[in-house]
């Protein structure tokens, strides 16, 4: 008959093996998770919204207007 040896009295290798077996039965991942702040500035979120709406990100929405104005100025049209 084997005598029971407390976990803290076992070798490090045996302790690691015991804890590894215990973790294998968990139904959840023990990694800490954080919820992103909804009010915080998120550059990627803005880019994704722009892509969904069919817009370019940044101030490039005025690009055709600016090019048209430059062309008028270059041709002397007012």
C-alpha atoms as a PDB file:
ATOM      1  CA  UNK A   1       0.000   0.000   0.000  1.00  0.00           C
ATOM      2  CA  UNK A   2       1.326   3.429  -0.960  1.00  0.00           C
ATOM      3  CA  UNK A   3       1.471   6.105   1.677  1.00  0.00           C
ATOM      4  CA  UNK A   4       0.009   9.483   0.770  1.00  0.00           C
ATOM      5  CA  UNK A   5       2.636  12.202   0.531  1.00  0.00           C
ATOM      6  CA  UNK A   6       1.381  15.802   0.847  1.00  0.00           C
ATOM      7  CA  UNK A   7       1.846  17.920  -2.260  1.00  0.00           C
ATOM      8  CA  UNK A   8       4.163  20.425  -0.575  1.00  0.00           C
ATOM      9  CA  UNK A   9       6.445  17.555   0.537  1.00  0.00           C
ATOM     10  CA  UNK A  10       6.788  16.128  -2.988  1.00  0.00           C
ATOM     11  CA  UNK A  11       9.606  16.958  -5.373  1.00  0.00           C
ATOM     12  CA  UNK A  12       9.181  19.932  -7.690  1.00  0.00           C
ATOM     13  CA  UNK A  13       8.797  17.615 -10.663  1.00  0.00           C
ATOM     14  CA  UNK A  14       6.026  15.644  -8.948  1.00  0.00           C
ATOM     15  CA  UNK A  15       4.305  18.866  -7.847  1.00  0.00           C
ATOM     16  CA  UNK A  16       4.364  20.196 -11.417  1.00  0.00           C
ATOM     17  CA  UNK A  17       2.919  16.950 -12.734  1.00  0.00           C
ATOM     18  CA  UNK A  18       0.142  16.984 -10.119  1.00  0.00           C
ATOM     19  CA  UNK A  19      -0.815  20.606 -10.888  1.00  0.00           C
ATOM     20  CA  UNK A  20      -0.681  19.910 -14.627  1.00  0.00           C
ATOM     21  CA  UNK A  21      -3.206  17.093 -14.211  1.00  0.00           C
ATOM     22  CA  UNK A  22      -5.451  19.338 -12.114  1.00  0.00           C
ATOM     23  CA  UNK A  23      -5.415  22.102 -14.748  1.00  0.00           C
ATOM     24  CA  UNK A  24      -6.300  19.662 -17.531  1.00  0.00           C
ATOM     25  CA  UNK A  25      -9.805  19.293 -16.082  1.00  0.00           C
ATOM     26  CA  UNK A  26     -10.626  23.032 -16.031  1.00  0.00           C
ATOM     27  CA  UNK A  27     -13.412  24.163 -18.356  1.00  0.00           C
ATOM     28  CA  UNK A  28     -12.113  27.729 -18.621  1.00  0.00           C
ATOM     29  CA  UNK A  29      -8.870  29.355 -19.642  1.00  0.00           C
ATOM     30  CA  UNK A  30      -7.253  30.904 -16.530  1.00  0.00           C
ATOM     31  CA  UNK A  31      -5.656  33.773 -18.468  1.00  0.00           C
ATOM     32  CA  UNK A  32      -6.741  37.186 -17.216  1.00  0.00           C
ATOM     33  CA  UNK A  33      -8.917  39.007 -19.732  1.00  0.00           C
ATOM     34  CA  UNK A  34      -9.730  42.689 -19.851  1.00  0.00           C
ATOM     35  CA  UNK A  35     -12.666  44.383 -21.510  1.00  0.00           C
ATOM     36  CA  UNK A  36     -11.575  47.262 -23.768  1.00  0.00           C
ATOM     37  CA  UNK A  37     -12.727  50.707 -22.687  1.00  0.00           C
ATOM     38  CA  UNK A  38     -15.602  51.742 -24.951  1.00  0.00           C
ATOM     39  CA  UNK A  39     -15.030  55.433 -24.290  1.00  0.00           C
ATOM     40  CA  UNK A  40     -11.302  55.311 -25.039  1.00  0.00           C
ATOM     41  CA  UNK A  41      -9.775  56.361 -28.350  1.00  0.00           C
ATOM     42  CA  UNK A  42      -9.225  53.400 -30.645  1.00  0.00           C
ATOM     43  CA  UNK A  43      -7.609  54.236 -33.978  1.00  0.00           C
ATOM     44  CA  UNK A  44      -8.356  50.809 -35.455  1.00  0.00           C
ATOM     45  CA  UNK A  45     -12.048  51.072 -34.586  1.00  0.00           C
ATOM     46  CA  UNK A  46     -12.340  54.358 -36.501  1.00  0.00           C
ATOM     47  CA  UNK A  47     -10.626  52.826 -39.535  1.00  0.00           C
ATOM     48  CA  UNK A  48     -12.956  49.817 -39.477  1.00  0.00           C
ATOM     49  CA  UNK A  49     -16.049  52.037 -39.304  1.00  0.00           C
ATOM     50  CA  UNK A  50     -14.786  54.112 -42.227  1.00  0.00           C
ATOM     51  CA  UNK A  51     -14.182  50.984 -44.315  1.00  0.00           C
ATOM     52  CA  UNK A  52     -17.670  49.679 -43.546  1.00  0.00           C
ATOM     53  CA  UNK A  53     -19.207  52.969 -44.657  1.00  0.00           C
ATOM     54  CA  UNK A  54     -17.155  53.027 -47.848  1.00  0.00           C
ATOM     55  CA  UNK A  55     -15.101  56.041 -46.823  1.00  0.00           C
ATOM     56  CA  UNK A  56     -11.379  56.464 -46.738  1.00  0.00           C
ATOM     57  CA  UNK A  57      -9.912  57.032 -43.302  1.00  0.00           C
ATOM     58  CA  UNK A  58      -8.563  60.440 -42.386  1.00  0.00           C
ATOM     59  CA  UNK A  59      -9.285  63.704 -44.195  1.00  0.00           C
ATOM     60  CA  UNK A  60      -9.090  62.162 -47.645  1.00  0.00           C
ATOM     61  CA  UNK A  61     -12.853  62.611 -48.144  1.00  0.00           C
ATOM     62  CA  UNK A  62     -12.158  66.114 -49.481  1.00  0.00           C
ATOM     63  CA  UNK A  63      -9.585  64.893 -51.990  1.00  0.00           C
ATOM     64  CA  UNK A  64     -11.751  65.130 -55.162  1.00  0.00           C
ATOM     65  CA  UNK A  65     -12.906  68.617 -54.162  1.00  0.00           C
ATOM     66  CA  UNK A  66      -9.330  69.782 -53.615  1.00  0.00           C
ATOM     67  CA  UNK A  67      -8.164  68.345 -56.939  1.00  0.00           C
ATOM     68  CA  UNK A  68     -11.045  70.047 -58.731  1.00  0.00           C
ATOM     69  CA  UNK A  69     -10.180  73.374 -57.099  1.00  0.00           C
ATOM     70  CA  UNK A  70      -6.504  73.039 -58.061  1.00  0.00           C
ATOM     71  CA  UNK A  71      -7.495  72.314 -61.638  1.00  0.00           C
ATOM     72  CA  UNK A  72      -9.715  75.414 -61.749  1.00  0.00           C
ATOM     73  CA  UNK A  73      -6.970  77.581 -60.293  1.00  0.00           C
ATOM     74  CA  UNK A  74      -4.429  76.171 -62.764  1.00  0.00           C
ATOM     75  CA  UNK A  75      -6.744  76.811 -65.745  1.00  0.00           C
ATOM     76  CA  UNK A  76      -7.720  80.221 -64.476  1.00  0.00           C
ATOM     77  CA  UNK A  77     -11.400  79.319 -64.141  1.00  0.00           C
ATOM     78  CA  UNK A  78     -13.147  81.118 -61.320  1.00  0.00           C
END
